[in-house]
């Protein structure tokens, strides 16, 4: 049974996990086992009152919203797409940083009157073009986004970009930046109230670490 003071923190697999663990270590939270190799679904930590679950980035908001976790770490891109989730978002952790960009084939000029845009970020793409008063056909894809303009499936793509190497390798160039993306700490609204002291203390400690890291950059 989980005690009232026990906190469960949902972490995203992959790059964000790798960058989150050092932040947690700075506030005295270290997994008892290596998340990359452990087969356990719930990991204890060096702080008995905090335990970790490691899930897909897209599942973090679901676990937090429905009480499977009190807090979570996931990308702002995920949170934008799941805009129906009513979660507190008290802290930008400034890790997992990249850009959500509109990209297209180099030297192809403007697209037609109603361009086709391939993306898995449907909500963010529609909001971006709606704000500009431009109609587009949004085609949802789940991967290999750069292929769409090359085979004529779409005029443009909207995707996350870090170095831009994949775009360049496929003859694509960034056209506009929709948003700067980073990982955010999110909190279950009920946990914010019922475990207020514990949650606020962890948020405050992480905020201090993030601010200190920002100061040395």
Protein backbone atom coordinates (compact mmCIF):
# COMPACT_ATOMS: atom_id res chain seq x y z
CA UNK A 1 0.00 0.00 0.00
CA UNK A 2 1.23 3.51 -0.87
CA UNK A 3 1.34 5.88 2.08
CA UNK A 4 0.00 9.43 1.90
CA UNK A 5 3.55 10.79 1.80
CA UNK A 6 4.76 8.34 -0.87
CA UNK A 7 5.39 10.01 -4.22
CA UNK A 8 5.41 8.16 -7.53
CA UNK A 9 7.29 9.85 -10.35
CA UNK A 10 6.70 8.78 -13.97
CA UNK A 11 9.74 9.23 -16.19
CA UNK A 12 9.92 9.11 -19.99
CA UNK A 13 12.03 6.42 -21.62
CA UNK A 14 14.94 7.45 -23.84
CA UNK A 15 16.83 10.72 -24.00
CA UNK A 16 14.67 12.51 -21.44
CA UNK A 17 15.29 9.74 -18.90
CA UNK A 18 19.05 10.02 -19.42
CA UNK A 19 18.89 13.76 -18.78
CA UNK A 20 16.40 13.56 -15.91
CA UNK A 21 18.36 11.12 -13.73
CA UNK A 22 21.25 13.56 -13.07
CA UNK A 23 18.76 16.24 -11.99
CA UNK A 24 17.11 13.81 -9.58
CA UNK A 25 20.52 12.78 -8.25
CA UNK A 26 21.21 16.41 -7.41
CA UNK A 27 18.19 16.41 -5.09
CA UNK A 28 19.11 13.07 -3.53
CA UNK A 29 16.91 10.75 -5.59
CA UNK A 30 18.87 7.88 -7.14
CA UNK A 31 17.25 4.66 -8.46
CA UNK A 32 18.11 1.51 -6.53
CA UNK A 33 18.61 -0.24 -9.87
CA UNK A 34 19.71 0.92 -13.31
CA UNK A 35 16.47 1.76 -15.18
CA UNK A 36 18.11 0.78 -18.47
CA UNK A 37 18.72 -2.82 -17.40
CA UNK A 38 16.22 -3.49 -14.61
CA UNK A 39 13.16 -5.63 -15.35
CA UNK A 40 11.25 -4.15 -12.43
CA UNK A 41 8.28 -1.98 -13.37
CA UNK A 42 8.49 0.10 -10.19
CA UNK A 43 11.89 1.23 -8.91
CA UNK A 44 12.67 2.27 -5.39
CA UNK A 45 15.11 5.11 -4.82
CA UNK A 46 17.62 6.34 -2.29
CA UNK A 47 14.79 8.41 -0.85
CA UNK A 48 12.28 5.91 0.62
CA UNK A 49 9.37 8.29 0.05
CA UNK A 50 9.94 8.46 -3.73
CA UNK A 51 9.59 5.66 -6.27
CA UNK A 52 9.92 5.72 -10.06
CA UNK A 53 8.03 4.20 -12.96
CA UNK A 54 9.57 4.29 -16.46
CA UNK A 55 7.02 4.55 -19.28
CA UNK A 56 6.66 5.75 -22.85
CA UNK A 57 6.76 9.57 -23.15
CA UNK A 58 3.23 9.61 -24.56
CA UNK A 59 1.95 7.65 -21.55
CA UNK A 60 3.35 9.96 -18.88
CA UNK A 61 0.41 12.43 -18.96
CA UNK A 62 -2.05 9.52 -18.75
CA UNK A 63 -0.39 7.99 -15.69
CA UNK A 64 -0.22 11.37 -13.97
CA UNK A 65 -3.74 12.48 -14.91
CA UNK A 66 -5.38 9.28 -13.69
CA UNK A 67 -3.38 8.97 -10.48
CA UNK A 68 -0.95 6.21 -11.46
CA UNK A 69 1.78 8.72 -10.67
CA UNK A 70 1.84 11.93 -8.66
CA UNK A 71 4.34 13.67 -10.91
CA UNK A 72 5.87 13.03 -14.31
CA UNK A 73 8.46 14.24 -16.78
CA UNK A 74 7.69 14.46 -20.48
CA UNK A 75 8.23 16.72 -23.47
CA UNK A 76 6.19 19.84 -24.13
CA UNK A 77 5.39 18.39 -27.57
CA UNK A 78 3.54 15.51 -25.89
CA UNK A 79 1.64 17.87 -23.62
CA UNK A 80 0.57 20.02 -26.56
CA UNK A 81 -0.88 17.03 -28.37
CA UNK A 82 -2.75 15.89 -25.26
CA UNK A 83 -4.25 19.32 -24.65
CA UNK A 84 -7.31 17.77 -22.99
CA UNK A 85 -5.19 16.71 -20.02
CA UNK A 86 -5.69 19.01 -17.03
CA UNK A 87 -2.30 18.78 -15.37
CA UNK A 88 -0.28 21.28 -13.39
CA UNK A 89 2.92 22.17 -15.22
CA UNK A 90 5.00 23.97 -12.58
CA UNK A 91 8.49 23.60 -14.00
CA UNK A 92 10.41 23.69 -17.26
CA UNK A 93 13.31 21.33 -16.62
CA UNK A 94 15.27 22.73 -19.60
CA UNK A 95 16.37 19.27 -20.75
CA UNK A 96 15.50 17.27 -23.85
CA UNK A 97 15.63 20.52 -25.75
CA UNK A 98 14.81 20.71 -29.45
CA UNK A 99 12.55 22.62 -31.86
CA UNK A 100 9.23 21.84 -33.48
CA UNK A 101 9.69 23.10 -37.02
CA UNK A 102 7.95 23.41 -40.36
CA UNK A 103 10.26 22.01 -43.05
CA UNK A 104 10.15 21.45 -46.79
CA UNK A 105 12.24 20.63 -49.83
CA UNK A 106 15.06 23.04 -50.52
CA UNK A 107 14.48 25.33 -53.49
CA UNK A 108 10.87 24.28 -54.09
CA UNK A 109 9.37 27.66 -53.24
CA UNK A 110 5.80 28.10 -52.01
CA UNK A 111 3.30 25.27 -51.88
CA UNK A 112 -0.20 25.46 -53.37
CA UNK A 113 -3.26 27.24 -52.04
CA UNK A 114 -3.98 24.45 -49.54
CA UNK A 115 -0.68 22.70 -48.77
CA UNK A 116 -0.49 19.18 -47.41
CA UNK A 117 1.46 18.87 -44.17
CA UNK A 118 2.63 15.52 -42.80
CA UNK A 119 3.16 15.27 -39.05
CA UNK A 120 2.42 13.31 -35.91
CA UNK A 121 1.87 16.63 -34.12
CA UNK A 122 -1.59 17.20 -35.50
CA UNK A 123 -2.96 19.50 -32.79
CA UNK A 124 0.09 21.77 -32.75
CA UNK A 125 0.17 21.93 -36.56
CA UNK A 126 -3.50 22.81 -36.88
CA UNK A 127 -3.19 25.47 -34.18
CA UNK A 128 -0.15 27.00 -35.91
CA UNK A 129 -1.82 27.34 -39.30
CA UNK A 130 -5.16 28.40 -37.80
CA UNK A 131 -3.40 31.29 -36.06
CA UNK A 132 -2.09 32.35 -39.47
CA UNK A 133 -5.49 32.00 -41.10
CA UNK A 134 -4.12 29.43 -43.55
CA UNK A 135 -5.93 26.27 -44.55
CA UNK A 136 -3.86 23.08 -44.84
CA UNK A 137 -4.53 19.39 -45.20
CA UNK A 138 -2.90 17.62 -42.26
CA UNK A 139 -1.74 14.06 -42.88
CA UNK A 140 -0.94 12.10 -39.72
CA UNK A 141 2.17 9.93 -39.84
CA UNK A 142 3.96 8.11 -37.03
CA UNK A 143 7.51 8.04 -38.38
CA UNK A 144 9.88 8.64 -41.32
CA UNK A 145 8.38 12.11 -41.67
CA UNK A 146 11.14 13.28 -44.03
CA UNK A 147 10.00 10.77 -46.64
CA UNK A 148 6.63 12.46 -47.21
CA UNK A 149 7.84 15.44 -49.32
CA UNK A 150 10.27 13.23 -51.24
CA UNK A 151 7.51 10.98 -52.61
CA UNK A 152 4.91 13.69 -53.08
CA UNK A 153 2.74 12.73 -50.12
CA UNK A 154 3.04 16.20 -48.59
CA UNK A 155 4.40 19.65 -49.37
CA UNK A 156 5.73 20.24 -45.88
CA UNK A 157 6.35 18.39 -42.64
CA UNK A 158 6.15 19.45 -39.01
CA UNK A 159 8.56 17.55 -36.81
CA UNK A 160 11.03 17.80 -33.95
CA UNK A 161 14.54 18.87 -34.91
CA UNK A 162 17.67 18.69 -32.81
CA UNK A 163 20.77 19.00 -35.01
CA UNK A 164 18.93 19.14 -38.35
CA UNK A 165 21.20 16.47 -39.84
CA UNK A 166 18.33 14.20 -40.91
CA UNK A 167 16.61 17.08 -42.69
CA UNK A 168 19.75 18.04 -44.57
CA UNK A 169 20.50 14.43 -45.52
CA UNK A 170 17.12 14.29 -47.26
CA UNK A 171 17.27 17.68 -48.98
CA UNK A 172 14.91 19.39 -46.54
CA UNK A 173 15.36 22.72 -44.77
CA UNK A 174 13.64 24.29 -41.75
CA UNK A 175 11.21 27.00 -42.86
CA UNK A 176 9.79 28.19 -39.54
CA UNK A 177 9.99 27.29 -35.87
CA UNK A 178 6.62 26.57 -34.30
CA UNK A 179 7.94 26.23 -30.76
CA UNK A 180 11.04 25.61 -28.66
CA UNK A 181 10.52 22.25 -26.92
CA UNK A 182 11.87 20.99 -23.60
CA UNK A 183 10.88 18.50 -20.91
CA UNK A 184 8.38 19.65 -18.31
CA UNK A 185 7.54 18.48 -14.81
CA UNK A 186 3.79 17.83 -14.52
CA UNK A 187 1.73 17.18 -11.41
CA UNK A 188 -1.58 15.45 -10.75
CA UNK A 189 -4.02 18.11 -9.45
CA UNK A 190 -5.27 15.83 -6.67
CA UNK A 191 -1.71 15.06 -5.53
CA UNK A 192 -0.96 18.78 -5.50
CA UNK A 193 -3.68 19.14 -2.86
CA UNK A 194 -3.48 15.91 -0.86
CA UNK A 195 0.33 15.61 -0.87
CA UNK A 196 0.95 19.33 -1.03
CA UNK A 197 3.98 19.56 1.24
CA UNK A 198 5.85 16.63 -0.36
CA UNK A 199 5.06 17.69 -3.92
CA UNK A 200 5.93 21.35 -3.37
CA UNK A 201 9.20 20.41 -1.67
CA UNK A 202 10.26 18.24 -4.64
CA UNK A 203 9.23 20.89 -7.18
CA UNK A 204 11.14 23.56 -5.27
CA UNK A 205 14.27 21.40 -4.98
CA UNK A 206 14.25 20.62 -8.71
CA UNK A 207 13.65 24.30 -9.52
CA UNK A 208 16.78 25.22 -7.56
CA UNK A 209 18.83 22.66 -9.49
CA UNK A 210 17.48 23.85 -12.85
CA UNK A 211 18.19 27.49 -11.97
CA UNK A 212 21.73 26.60 -10.85
CA UNK A 213 22.35 24.73 -14.11
CA UNK A 214 21.02 27.70 -16.05
CA UNK A 215 23.42 30.00 -14.24
CA UNK A 216 26.52 28.06 -15.35
CA UNK A 217 25.50 27.74 -19.01
